[in-house]
Amino acid sequence: MKKTIIAFAVLLSSGFHSFAQSADEVIVKHIEAMGGETALSKIKTLKMSGSIVAQGMEFPTSQTMVDNQGMRMDFSVMGMDCYVIVTQKDGWMYIPVQPGMDKVTAMPEEQLKQAKSKLNIRNMWLTDRSMIKKAEMDGKDTINSIPCLRLKVTDKAGFEQIAYFDESTYYLIRTEMNVQAGEESRDISVTFSNFEKQPDGVVIPMKRSDPMMGGEVVYKTVEINKAVPETIFKPEAPSKGNDGSGKAKQ
């Protein structure tokens, strides 16, 4: 009986210890792991280039951001140049490989609202506490054999996501949320891996598995605080008299 009580006490103590830290403490440790508040706050522009790996093929892609101003994602599929642009005022898409998307199309209002919440560069990886309205511990889980702390996070725009942090490194390795895609909404999960420290001290996940991108995104280069021309956030109509490839003007 005595041994049973001791064993129960040890188990209870272990369980209490694992949940003793608050959600805020997990976020703070995550920010420290990603390079720290000072280094992260210095990121004003970011460009990541690489490829989308899907169905055994690679498609070049790049994502360019100016903090709290604009984001542009470029990718090429079957020789066709595509892009998605989001600014604080508007959102545009040109994806000629999809039916009905062979012209510059305004992003639906609800989709734009959700996309705008990610214009803060640090908010992509939950490293800006000012963008978080509420964070709550939501238990523990295992993702790809990695023990994780699970948090329910609500941002200032009211969007909620479940975030999984590696229990040993405090890197954000998975998010789950409901996203608006056109007139439909769907639950998606995005995973992050291949974390690499950059010369300025910040850590960037160089691999992302994202169903919205159609596969795994592998980044090969990262450019931080390089000049970004404002013109890249202005949608351009497809070139007139092109060769039929569907390429947009760059």
Protein backbone atom coordinates (compact mmCIF):
# COMPACT_ATOMS: atom_id res chain seq x y z
CA MET A 1 0.00 0.00 0.00
CA LYS A 2 2.83 2.34 0.94
CA LYS A 3 4.63 1.62 -2.35
CA THR A 4 1.43 2.32 -4.26
CA ILE A 5 1.02 5.70 -2.58
CA ILE A 6 4.66 6.59 -3.29
CA ALA A 7 4.33 5.57 -6.93
CA PHE A 8 1.15 7.62 -7.27
CA ALA A 9 2.86 10.62 -5.68
CA VAL A 10 5.80 10.36 -8.08
CA LEU A 11 3.43 10.10 -11.04
CA LEU A 12 1.39 13.07 -9.85
CA SER A 13 4.53 15.10 -9.24
CA SER A 14 5.84 14.30 -12.73
CA GLY A 15 2.58 15.28 -14.34
CA PHE A 16 2.41 18.51 -12.37
CA HIS A 17 5.96 19.41 -13.36
CA SER A 18 5.31 18.91 -17.08
CA PHE A 19 2.40 21.33 -17.01
CA ALA A 20 3.82 23.73 -14.44
CA GLN A 21 5.04 26.18 -17.04
CA SER A 22 2.46 28.54 -18.43
CA ALA A 23 1.64 29.17 -22.08
CA ASP A 24 3.34 32.57 -21.81
CA GLU A 25 6.53 30.91 -20.57
CA VAL A 26 6.49 28.50 -23.51
CA ILE A 27 6.14 31.42 -25.94
CA VAL A 28 9.03 33.26 -24.26
CA LYS A 29 11.29 30.19 -24.48
CA HIS A 30 10.26 29.73 -28.11
CA ILE A 31 11.25 33.33 -28.93
CA GLU A 32 14.61 32.82 -27.22
CA ALA A 33 15.19 29.61 -29.18
CA MET A 34 14.43 31.40 -32.46
CA GLY A 35 17.12 34.02 -31.85
CA GLY A 36 15.70 36.27 -29.16
CA GLU A 37 13.54 39.37 -29.07
CA THR A 38 16.30 41.79 -30.08
CA ALA A 39 17.50 39.92 -33.18
CA LEU A 40 14.00 39.03 -34.36
CA SER A 41 12.73 42.61 -34.00
CA LYS A 42 15.40 43.79 -36.46
CA ILE A 43 13.91 41.81 -39.35
CA LYS A 44 12.26 44.36 -41.65
CA THR A 45 12.39 42.45 -44.95
CA LEU A 46 12.66 38.75 -45.65
CA LYS A 47 13.04 36.73 -48.84
CA MET A 48 13.14 32.94 -48.87
CA SER A 49 13.77 31.06 -52.11
CA GLY A 50 13.62 27.38 -52.90
CA SER A 51 11.24 24.88 -54.42
CA ILE A 52 7.92 23.14 -53.92
CA VAL A 53 8.34 19.37 -54.01
CA ALA A 54 5.19 17.59 -55.19
CA GLN A 55 4.54 14.34 -57.03
CA GLY A 56 8.24 13.74 -57.53
CA MET A 57 8.78 17.12 -59.20
CA GLU A 58 10.24 20.44 -58.07
CA PHE A 59 8.71 23.83 -58.80
CA PRO A 60 10.71 27.00 -58.06
CA THR A 61 9.21 29.35 -55.50
CA SER A 62 10.07 32.43 -53.47
CA GLN A 63 8.36 34.40 -50.72
CA THR A 64 9.19 38.08 -50.25
CA MET A 65 7.94 40.13 -47.29
CA VAL A 66 8.19 43.69 -46.03
CA ASP A 67 7.20 43.68 -42.38
CA ASN A 68 3.59 44.77 -41.83
CA GLN A 69 3.36 46.08 -45.39
CA GLY A 70 3.26 43.37 -48.01
CA MET A 71 3.93 39.79 -49.00
CA ARG A 72 4.43 38.25 -52.44
CA MET A 73 4.75 34.56 -53.20
CA ASP A 74 5.96 33.55 -56.65
CA PHE A 75 5.99 30.03 -58.04
CA SER A 76 6.20 28.37 -61.43
CA VAL A 77 4.15 25.34 -62.52
CA MET A 78 4.40 23.70 -65.94
CA GLY A 79 6.23 26.73 -67.29
CA MET A 80 3.58 29.14 -66.01
CA ASP A 81 4.56 31.92 -63.62
CA CYS A 82 2.07 32.40 -60.78
CA TYR A 83 1.87 34.76 -57.84
CA VAL A 84 -0.09 35.71 -54.74
CA ILE A 85 0.16 39.27 -53.36
CA VAL A 86 -1.14 40.50 -50.01
CA THR A 87 -0.92 44.06 -48.65
CA GLN A 88 -2.69 45.88 -45.83
CA LYS A 89 -5.29 47.09 -48.36
CA ASP A 90 -5.65 44.41 -51.04
CA GLY A 91 -4.90 40.86 -52.06
CA TRP A 92 -4.40 39.50 -55.57
CA MET A 93 -3.88 36.12 -57.19
CA TYR A 94 -2.68 35.08 -60.62
CA ILE A 95 -2.56 31.29 -60.97
CA PRO A 96 -3.14 30.38 -64.66
CA VAL A 97 -2.74 26.65 -64.00
CA GLN A 98 -6.09 26.73 -62.19
CA PRO A 99 -9.40 27.09 -64.05
CA GLY A 100 -10.70 30.64 -63.91
CA MET A 101 -7.45 32.00 -62.46
CA ASP A 102 -5.79 32.95 -65.74
CA LYS A 103 -6.32 36.63 -65.02
CA VAL A 104 -5.41 38.80 -62.04
CA THR A 105 -8.11 38.08 -59.44
CA ALA A 106 -8.91 39.98 -56.25
CA MET A 107 -8.64 37.88 -53.11
CA PRO A 108 -11.98 37.25 -51.37
CA GLU A 109 -12.52 39.50 -48.34
CA GLU A 110 -12.44 36.80 -45.65
CA GLN A 111 -9.37 35.16 -47.16
CA LEU A 112 -7.65 38.55 -47.36
CA LYS A 113 -8.45 39.29 -43.71
CA GLN A 114 -6.81 36.05 -42.65
CA ALA A 115 -3.80 36.56 -44.93
CA LYS A 116 -3.23 40.09 -43.60
CA SER A 117 -2.75 38.68 -40.10
CA LYS A 118 0.46 37.06 -41.40
CA LEU A 119 2.01 40.23 -42.83
CA ASN A 120 3.90 40.56 -39.57
CA ILE A 121 7.05 38.55 -40.36
CA ARG A 122 7.50 37.39 -36.78
CA ASN A 123 3.89 36.31 -36.50
CA MET A 124 4.51 33.58 -39.10
CA TRP A 125 6.31 31.61 -36.38
CA LEU A 126 4.55 33.09 -33.31
CA THR A 127 7.62 35.07 -32.23
CA ASP A 128 5.85 38.41 -31.72
CA ARG A 129 4.00 38.44 -28.41
CA SER A 130 2.27 41.72 -29.29
CA MET A 131 0.32 39.84 -31.99
CA ILE A 132 -1.00 37.23 -29.56
CA LYS A 133 -4.29 38.01 -27.87
CA LYS A 134 -4.46 34.81 -25.80
CA ALA A 135 -2.40 31.64 -25.37
CA GLU A 136 -3.51 28.63 -23.34
CA MET A 137 -1.86 25.32 -22.51
CA ASP A 138 -3.75 22.52 -24.26
CA GLY A 139 -1.88 19.43 -23.11
CA LYS A 140 0.93 17.46 -24.72
CA ASP A 141 1.25 15.44 -27.90
CA THR A 142 3.78 13.72 -30.13
CA ILE A 143 4.46 14.94 -33.67
CA ASN A 144 6.73 12.81 -35.88
CA SER A 145 8.07 11.07 -32.74
CA ILE A 146 8.84 14.45 -31.12
CA PRO A 147 7.26 15.13 -27.69
CA CYS A 148 5.48 18.47 -27.91
CA LEU A 149 3.74 21.04 -25.76
CA ARG A 150 0.41 21.98 -27.33
CA LEU A 151 -0.96 25.52 -27.07
CA LYS A 152 -4.19 27.09 -28.22
CA VAL A 153 -3.26 30.51 -29.58
CA THR A 154 -5.62 33.32 -30.61
CA ASP A 155 -4.17 36.31 -32.44
CA LYS A 156 -5.28 39.94 -32.30
CA ALA A 157 -7.44 39.46 -35.41
CA GLY A 158 -9.38 36.72 -33.62
CA PHE A 159 -8.00 33.76 -35.58
CA GLU A 160 -7.31 30.66 -33.52
CA GLN A 161 -4.71 27.97 -34.09
CA ILE A 162 -3.25 24.99 -32.27
CA ALA A 163 0.54 25.27 -32.01
CA TYR A 164 2.93 22.44 -31.18
CA PHE A 165 6.33 23.27 -29.66
CA ASP A 166 9.18 20.78 -29.44
CA GLU A 167 9.47 20.07 -25.72
CA SER A 168 13.29 20.04 -25.83
CA THR A 169 14.12 22.87 -28.28
CA TYR A 170 10.93 24.97 -28.04
CA TYR A 171 10.85 25.32 -31.83
CA LEU A 172 7.38 25.61 -33.37
CA ILE A 173 7.05 22.43 -35.43
CA ARG A 174 3.34 22.32 -36.33
CA THR A 175 0.27 24.53 -36.52
CA GLU A 176 -3.35 23.60 -37.12
CA MET A 177 -6.04 26.08 -38.08
CA ASN A 178 -9.11 26.65 -40.20
CA VAL A 179 -8.33 28.72 -43.30
CA GLN A 180 -10.47 30.34 -45.94
CA ALA A 181 -9.73 29.13 -49.47
CA GLY A 182 -11.92 30.99 -51.94
CA GLU A 183 -15.52 30.51 -50.84
CA GLU A 184 -14.69 27.42 -48.79
CA SER A 185 -13.00 26.91 -45.47
CA ARG A 186 -10.85 23.95 -44.55
CA ASP A 187 -8.79 22.66 -41.65
CA ILE A 188 -5.10 22.49 -42.47
CA SER A 189 -1.91 21.62 -40.65
CA VAL A 190 1.52 23.03 -41.48
CA THR A 191 4.74 21.50 -40.21
CA PHE A 192 8.15 23.19 -39.87
CA SER A 193 11.57 21.52 -39.80
CA ASN A 194 15.23 21.89 -40.80
CA PHE A 195 15.82 24.84 -38.46
CA GLU A 196 18.95 26.80 -39.38
CA LYS A 197 20.58 29.72 -37.58
CA GLN A 198 21.24 32.63 -39.92
CA PRO A 199 24.33 34.90 -39.78
CA ASP A 200 22.38 37.55 -37.84
CA GLY A 201 21.45 35.02 -35.16
CA VAL A 202 17.79 34.33 -36.00
CA VAL A 203 16.62 30.78 -36.66
CA ILE A 204 14.57 29.99 -39.78
CA PRO A 205 12.75 26.72 -40.57
CA MET A 206 14.05 25.80 -44.03
CA LYS A 207 11.40 23.17 -44.72
CA ARG A 208 7.63 23.51 -44.54
CA SER A 209 4.96 20.97 -45.32
CA ASP A 210 1.94 22.99 -46.44
CA PRO A 211 -1.16 21.56 -48.16
CA MET A 212 -2.05 25.05 -49.41
CA MET A 213 1.15 24.96 -51.45
CA GLY A 214 0.44 21.50 -52.81
CA GLY A 215 3.40 19.81 -51.17
CA GLU A 216 6.60 20.30 -49.24
CA VAL A 217 8.40 23.64 -49.53
CA VAL A 218 12.19 23.45 -49.21
CA TYR A 219 13.99 26.77 -48.90
CA LYS A 220 17.61 27.00 -50.04
CA THR A 221 18.43 30.67 -49.47
CA VAL A 222 17.34 33.33 -46.97
CA GLU A 223 17.89 37.06 -47.41
CA ILE A 224 17.22 39.33 -44.45
CA ASN A 225 16.92 43.13 -44.61
CA LYS A 226 17.69 43.40 -48.31
CA ALA A 227 16.04 46.22 -50.28
CA VAL A 228 12.64 45.26 -51.71
CA PRO A 229 11.07 47.43 -54.47
CA GLU A 230 7.50 48.52 -53.75
CA THR A 231 6.49 47.59 -57.29
CA ILE A 232 6.51 43.87 -56.51
CA PHE A 233 3.31 44.34 -54.49
CA LYS A 234 1.44 45.79 -57.48
CA PRO A 235 -0.46 43.18 -59.51
CA GLU A 236 0.36 43.11 -63.19
CA ALA A 237 -1.83 41.77 -65.95
CA PRO A 238 -0.48 38.90 -68.07
CA SER A 239 1.68 40.03 -70.97
CA LYS A 240 -0.30 40.70 -74.12
CA GLY A 241 0.64 38.62 -77.12
CA ASN A 242 2.64 36.11 -75.10
CA ASP A 243 3.53 32.72 -76.44
CA GLY A 244 0.60 31.05 -74.74
CA SER A 245 2.61 29.93 -71.73
CA GLY A 246 0.46 32.01 -69.39
CA LYS A 247 3.46 33.87 -68.04
CA ALA A 248 2.78 37.08 -66.17
CA LYS A 249 4.86 40.20 -66.59
CA GLN A 250 7.55 40.51 -63.92
